[in-house]
Amino acid sequence: MALNETHRYDDIIDLPHHQSTRHPHMPMRNRAAQFMPFAALAGYDDAIAAVAERVRTQDD
């Protein structure tokens, strides 16, 4: 599949990036924190560990 040449954005491609005057720029450290792993379900890891421990003790 060949890429078609397009000029749809030629009028805006070289415009400067908008910087908000109302909201300060977020520091890199805070932006990176948005993508850090997190526990979506509180207590899920503990529940899994408890079940795994019960299974281990039943096998003994």
Foldseek 3Di string as FASTA:
>chain_A
DDDDDDCPCVVPPPPDDDDDPVDHDDDPVVVVVVPDDDDPDPCPVVVVVVVVVVVVVVVD
